[in-house]
Amino acid sequence: MKRNTAVNALLLLAVAALAVLPLALGLGDHKEEPFAGADAEAETAITEIEPDYEPWFAPLYEPPSGEVESALFALQAALGTGVLAYYFGLRRGRRQGERRAAEAQPGARPGETGSAAGAAGDLETREA
């Protein structure tokens, strides 16, 4: 097995373990909502410490239900993932294009493209 394949398999197992272990070990069973978000946990802690606490501001949009809130959160996560995937794909494509262009030019060194690589190749052929 190649080293990259082994690393990818280990990372995949680690992610799966992070998702499954809290459920399998029963972490959070003693709570009313075992996997509540950080906002709900913070609100609960604040009201326990200071019952008369008044928030400084109200949210701009309050979803009508928890399902809509979850859907909007999933949509936000999907859009963020799409933007990151596009960026990394674009970056990889540019790097591959530069490498192919460098390989296509005789005498060019990897990482050099454009007129500088061409000029370096011309200079080496003139000197030889």
C-alpha atoms as a PDB file:
ATOM      1  CA  MET A   1       0.000   0.000   0.000  1.00  0.00           C
ATOM      2  CA  LYS A   2       1.323   3.441  -0.867  1.00  0.00           C
ATOM      3  CA  ARG A   3       2.148   5.828   1.951  1.00  0.00           C
ATOM      4  CA  ASN A   4      -0.524   8.349   0.868  1.00  0.00           C
ATOM      5  CA  THR A   5      -3.170   5.626   0.779  1.00  0.00           C
ATOM      6  CA  ALA A   6      -2.232   4.513   4.293  1.00  0.00           C
ATOM      7  CA  VAL A   7      -2.370   8.087   5.608  1.00  0.00           C
ATOM      8  CA  ASN A   8      -5.756   8.664   3.964  1.00  0.00           C
ATOM      9  CA  ALA A   9      -7.106   5.409   5.427  1.00  0.00           C
ATOM     10  CA  LEU A  10      -5.907   6.365   8.918  1.00  0.00           C
ATOM     11  CA  LEU A  11      -7.455   9.831   8.631  1.00  0.00           C
ATOM     12  CA  LEU A  12     -10.744   8.311   7.482  1.00  0.00           C
ATOM     13  CA  LEU A  13     -10.713   5.901  10.441  1.00  0.00           C
ATOM     14  CA  ALA A  14      -9.987   8.786  12.836  1.00  0.00           C
ATOM     15  CA  VAL A  15     -12.929  10.805  11.480  1.00  0.00           C
ATOM     16  CA  ALA A  16     -15.218   7.775  11.717  1.00  0.00           C
ATOM     17  CA  ALA A  17     -14.071   7.178  15.301  1.00  0.00           C
ATOM     18  CA  LEU A  18     -14.786  10.804  16.213  1.00  0.00           C
ATOM     19  CA  ALA A  19     -18.317  10.418  14.857  1.00  0.00           C
ATOM     20  CA  VAL A  20     -19.118   6.982  16.294  1.00  0.00           C
ATOM     21  CA  LEU A  21     -17.337   6.858  19.665  1.00  0.00           C
ATOM     22  CA  PRO A  22     -19.458   9.512  21.445  1.00  0.00           C
ATOM     23  CA  LEU A  23     -22.593   7.628  20.418  1.00  0.00           C
ATOM     24  CA  ALA A  24     -21.198   4.172  21.260  1.00  0.00           C
ATOM     25  CA  LEU A  25     -19.813   5.214  24.654  1.00  0.00           C
ATOM     26  CA  GLY A  26     -23.031   6.986  25.627  1.00  0.00           C
ATOM     27  CA  LEU A  27     -21.380  10.340  26.212  1.00  0.00           C
ATOM     28  CA  GLY A  28     -23.992  12.914  27.090  1.00  0.00           C
ATOM     29  CA  ASP A  29     -26.630  10.407  28.202  1.00  0.00           C
ATOM     30  CA  HIS A  30     -27.077  12.259  31.486  1.00  0.00           C
ATOM     31  CA  LYS A  31     -28.214  15.421  29.690  1.00  0.00           C
ATOM     32  CA  GLU A  32     -31.667  16.307  28.424  1.00  0.00           C
ATOM     33  CA  GLU A  33     -30.250  17.145  24.995  1.00  0.00           C
ATOM     34  CA  PRO A  34     -27.019  15.140  24.739  1.00  0.00           C
ATOM     35  CA  PHE A  35     -25.640  16.798  21.624  1.00  0.00           C
ATOM     36  CA  ALA A  36     -26.923  20.358  21.880  1.00  0.00           C
ATOM     37  CA  GLY A  37     -24.960  23.063  20.140  1.00  0.00           C
ATOM     38  CA  ALA A  38     -22.560  25.440  21.826  1.00  0.00           C
ATOM     39  CA  ASP A  39     -25.125  28.256  21.715  1.00  0.00           C
ATOM     40  CA  ALA A  40     -27.657  26.236  23.698  1.00  0.00           C
ATOM     41  CA  GLU A  41     -24.995  25.165  26.219  1.00  0.00           C
ATOM     42  CA  ALA A  42     -23.890  28.776  26.688  1.00  0.00           C
ATOM     43  CA  GLU A  43     -27.457  30.002  27.131  1.00  0.00           C
ATOM     44  CA  THR A  44     -28.088  27.335  29.775  1.00  0.00           C
ATOM     45  CA  ALA A  45     -24.886  28.213  31.645  1.00  0.00           C
ATOM     46  CA  ILE A  46     -25.655  31.944  31.588  1.00  0.00           C
ATOM     47  CA  THR A  47     -29.191  31.513  32.911  1.00  0.00           C
ATOM     48  CA  GLU A  48     -27.896  29.262  35.713  1.00  0.00           C
ATOM     49  CA  ILE A  49     -25.328  31.879  36.749  1.00  0.00           C
ATOM     50  CA  GLU A  50     -27.493  34.977  36.248  1.00  0.00           C
ATOM     51  CA  PRO A  51     -31.238  34.225  35.945  1.00  0.00           C
ATOM     52  CA  ASP A  52     -32.129  37.897  35.279  1.00  0.00           C
ATOM     53  CA  TYR A  53     -29.679  38.275  32.390  1.00  0.00           C
ATOM     54  CA  GLU A  54     -31.019  40.245  29.420  1.00  0.00           C
ATOM     55  CA  PRO A  55     -29.354  39.711  26.023  1.00  0.00           C
ATOM     56  CA  TRP A  56     -27.788  42.812  24.480  1.00  0.00           C
ATOM     57  CA  PHE A  57     -29.382  42.276  21.090  1.00  0.00           C
ATOM     58  CA  ALA A  58     -31.833  40.022  19.285  1.00  0.00           C
ATOM     59  CA  PRO A  59     -31.061  37.843  16.255  1.00  0.00           C
ATOM     60  CA  LEU A  60     -31.867  39.326  12.842  1.00  0.00           C
ATOM     61  CA  TYR A  61     -33.679  36.155  11.746  1.00  0.00           C
ATOM     62  CA  GLU A  62     -35.204  33.504  13.994  1.00  0.00           C
ATOM     63  CA  PRO A  63     -35.995  30.282  12.081  1.00  0.00           C
ATOM     64  CA  PRO A  64     -39.534  28.988  12.673  1.00  0.00           C
ATOM     65  CA  SER A  65     -38.345  25.544  13.857  1.00  0.00           C
ATOM     66  CA  GLY A  66     -35.270  23.550  14.777  1.00  0.00           C
ATOM     67  CA  GLU A  67     -35.481  21.630  11.499  1.00  0.00           C
ATOM     68  CA  VAL A  68     -35.267  24.833   9.458  1.00  0.00           C
ATOM     69  CA  GLU A  69     -32.359  25.988  11.609  1.00  0.00           C
ATOM     70  CA  SER A  70     -30.553  22.675  11.011  1.00  0.00           C
ATOM     71  CA  ALA A  71     -31.235  22.881   7.277  1.00  0.00           C
ATOM     72  CA  LEU A  72     -29.831  26.416   7.096  1.00  0.00           C
ATOM     73  CA  PHE A  73     -26.750  25.318   9.027  1.00  0.00           C
ATOM     74  CA  ALA A  74     -26.252  22.361   6.659  1.00  0.00           C
ATOM     75  CA  LEU A  75     -26.652  24.672   3.661  1.00  0.00           C
ATOM     76  CA  GLN A  76     -24.063  27.045   5.103  1.00  0.00           C
ATOM     77  CA  ALA A  77     -21.657  24.148   5.678  1.00  0.00           C
ATOM     78  CA  ALA A  78     -22.215  22.844   2.135  1.00  0.00           C
ATOM     79  CA  LEU A  79     -21.579  26.265   0.597  1.00  0.00           C
ATOM     80  CA  GLY A  80     -18.400  26.697   2.636  1.00  0.00           C
ATOM     81  CA  THR A  81     -17.211  23.252   1.605  1.00  0.00           C
ATOM     82  CA  GLY A  82     -17.923  24.065  -2.027  1.00  0.00           C
ATOM     83  CA  VAL A  83     -15.930  27.292  -1.868  1.00  0.00           C
ATOM     84  CA  LEU A  84     -12.970  25.538  -0.232  1.00  0.00           C
ATOM     85  CA  ALA A  85     -13.093  22.637  -2.702  1.00  0.00           C
ATOM     86  CA  TYR A  86     -13.184  25.072  -5.623  1.00  0.00           C
ATOM     87  CA  TYR A  87     -10.199  26.992  -4.256  1.00  0.00           C
ATOM     88  CA  PHE A  88      -8.080  23.892  -3.648  1.00  0.00           C
ATOM     89  CA  GLY A  89      -9.062  22.400  -7.015  1.00  0.00           C
ATOM     90  CA  LEU A  90      -8.192  25.620  -8.803  1.00  0.00           C
ATOM     91  CA  ARG A  91      -4.858  25.786  -7.019  1.00  0.00           C
ATOM     92  CA  ARG A  92      -4.036  22.173  -7.869  1.00  0.00           C
ATOM     93  CA  GLY A  93      -5.069  22.658 -11.493  1.00  0.00           C
ATOM     94  CA  ARG A  94      -2.832  25.703 -11.848  1.00  0.00           C
ATOM     95  CA  ARG A  95       0.091  23.822 -10.308  1.00  0.00           C
ATOM     96  CA  GLN A  96      -0.459  20.874 -12.658  1.00  0.00           C
ATOM     97  CA  GLY A  97      -0.720  23.226 -15.619  1.00  0.00           C
ATOM     98  CA  GLU A  98       2.521  24.941 -14.693  1.00  0.00           C
ATOM     99  CA  ARG A  99       4.242  21.562 -14.307  1.00  0.00           C
ATOM    100  CA  ARG A 100       2.990  20.376 -17.703  1.00  0.00           C
ATOM    101  CA  ALA A 101       4.050  23.619 -19.329  1.00  0.00           C
ATOM    102  CA  ALA A 102       7.494  23.302 -17.767  1.00  0.00           C
ATOM    103  CA  GLU A 103       7.809  19.705 -18.957  1.00  0.00           C
ATOM    104  CA  ALA A 104       6.775  20.725 -22.469  1.00  0.00           C
ATOM    105  CA  GLN A 105       9.553  23.323 -22.690  1.00  0.00           C
ATOM    106  CA  PRO A 106      13.014  21.782 -23.246  1.00  0.00           C
ATOM    107  CA  GLY A 107      15.537  22.825 -20.619  1.00  0.00           C
ATOM    108  CA  ALA A 108      12.981  24.345 -18.283  1.00  0.00           C
ATOM    109  CA  ARG A 109      13.258  23.631 -14.578  1.00  0.00           C
ATOM    110  CA  PRO A 110      10.163  22.574 -12.605  1.00  0.00           C
ATOM    111  CA  GLY A 111       8.376  25.546 -11.089  1.00  0.00           C
ATOM    112  CA  GLU A 112       9.548  27.945 -13.802  1.00  0.00           C
ATOM    113  CA  THR A 113       7.106  28.904 -16.534  1.00  0.00           C
ATOM    114  CA  GLY A 114       6.668  31.610 -19.042  1.00  0.00           C
ATOM    115  CA  SER A 115       9.370  33.653 -20.744  1.00  0.00           C
ATOM    116  CA  ALA A 116      11.912  33.212 -17.930  1.00  0.00           C
ATOM    117  CA  ALA A 117      11.899  29.430 -18.377  1.00  0.00           C
ATOM    118  CA  GLY A 118      12.027  29.766 -22.135  1.00  0.00           C
ATOM    119  CA  ALA A 119      14.889  32.231 -21.946  1.00  0.00           C
ATOM    120  CA  ALA A 120      16.781  29.915 -19.590  1.00  0.00           C
ATOM    121  CA  GLY A 121      16.287  27.025 -22.008  1.00  0.00           C
ATOM    122  CA  ASP A 122      17.496  29.162 -24.945  1.00  0.00           C
ATOM    123  CA  LEU A 123      20.555  30.282 -22.978  1.00  0.00           C
ATOM    124  CA  GLU A 124      21.505  26.683 -22.110  1.00  0.00           C
ATOM    125  CA  THR A 125      21.212  25.574 -25.762  1.00  0.00           C
ATOM    126  CA  ARG A 126      23.350  28.510 -26.946  1.00  0.00           C
ATOM    127  CA  GLU A 127      26.067  27.788 -24.407  1.00  0.00           C
ATOM    128  CA  ALA A 128      26.252  24.105 -25.325  1.00  0.00           C
END
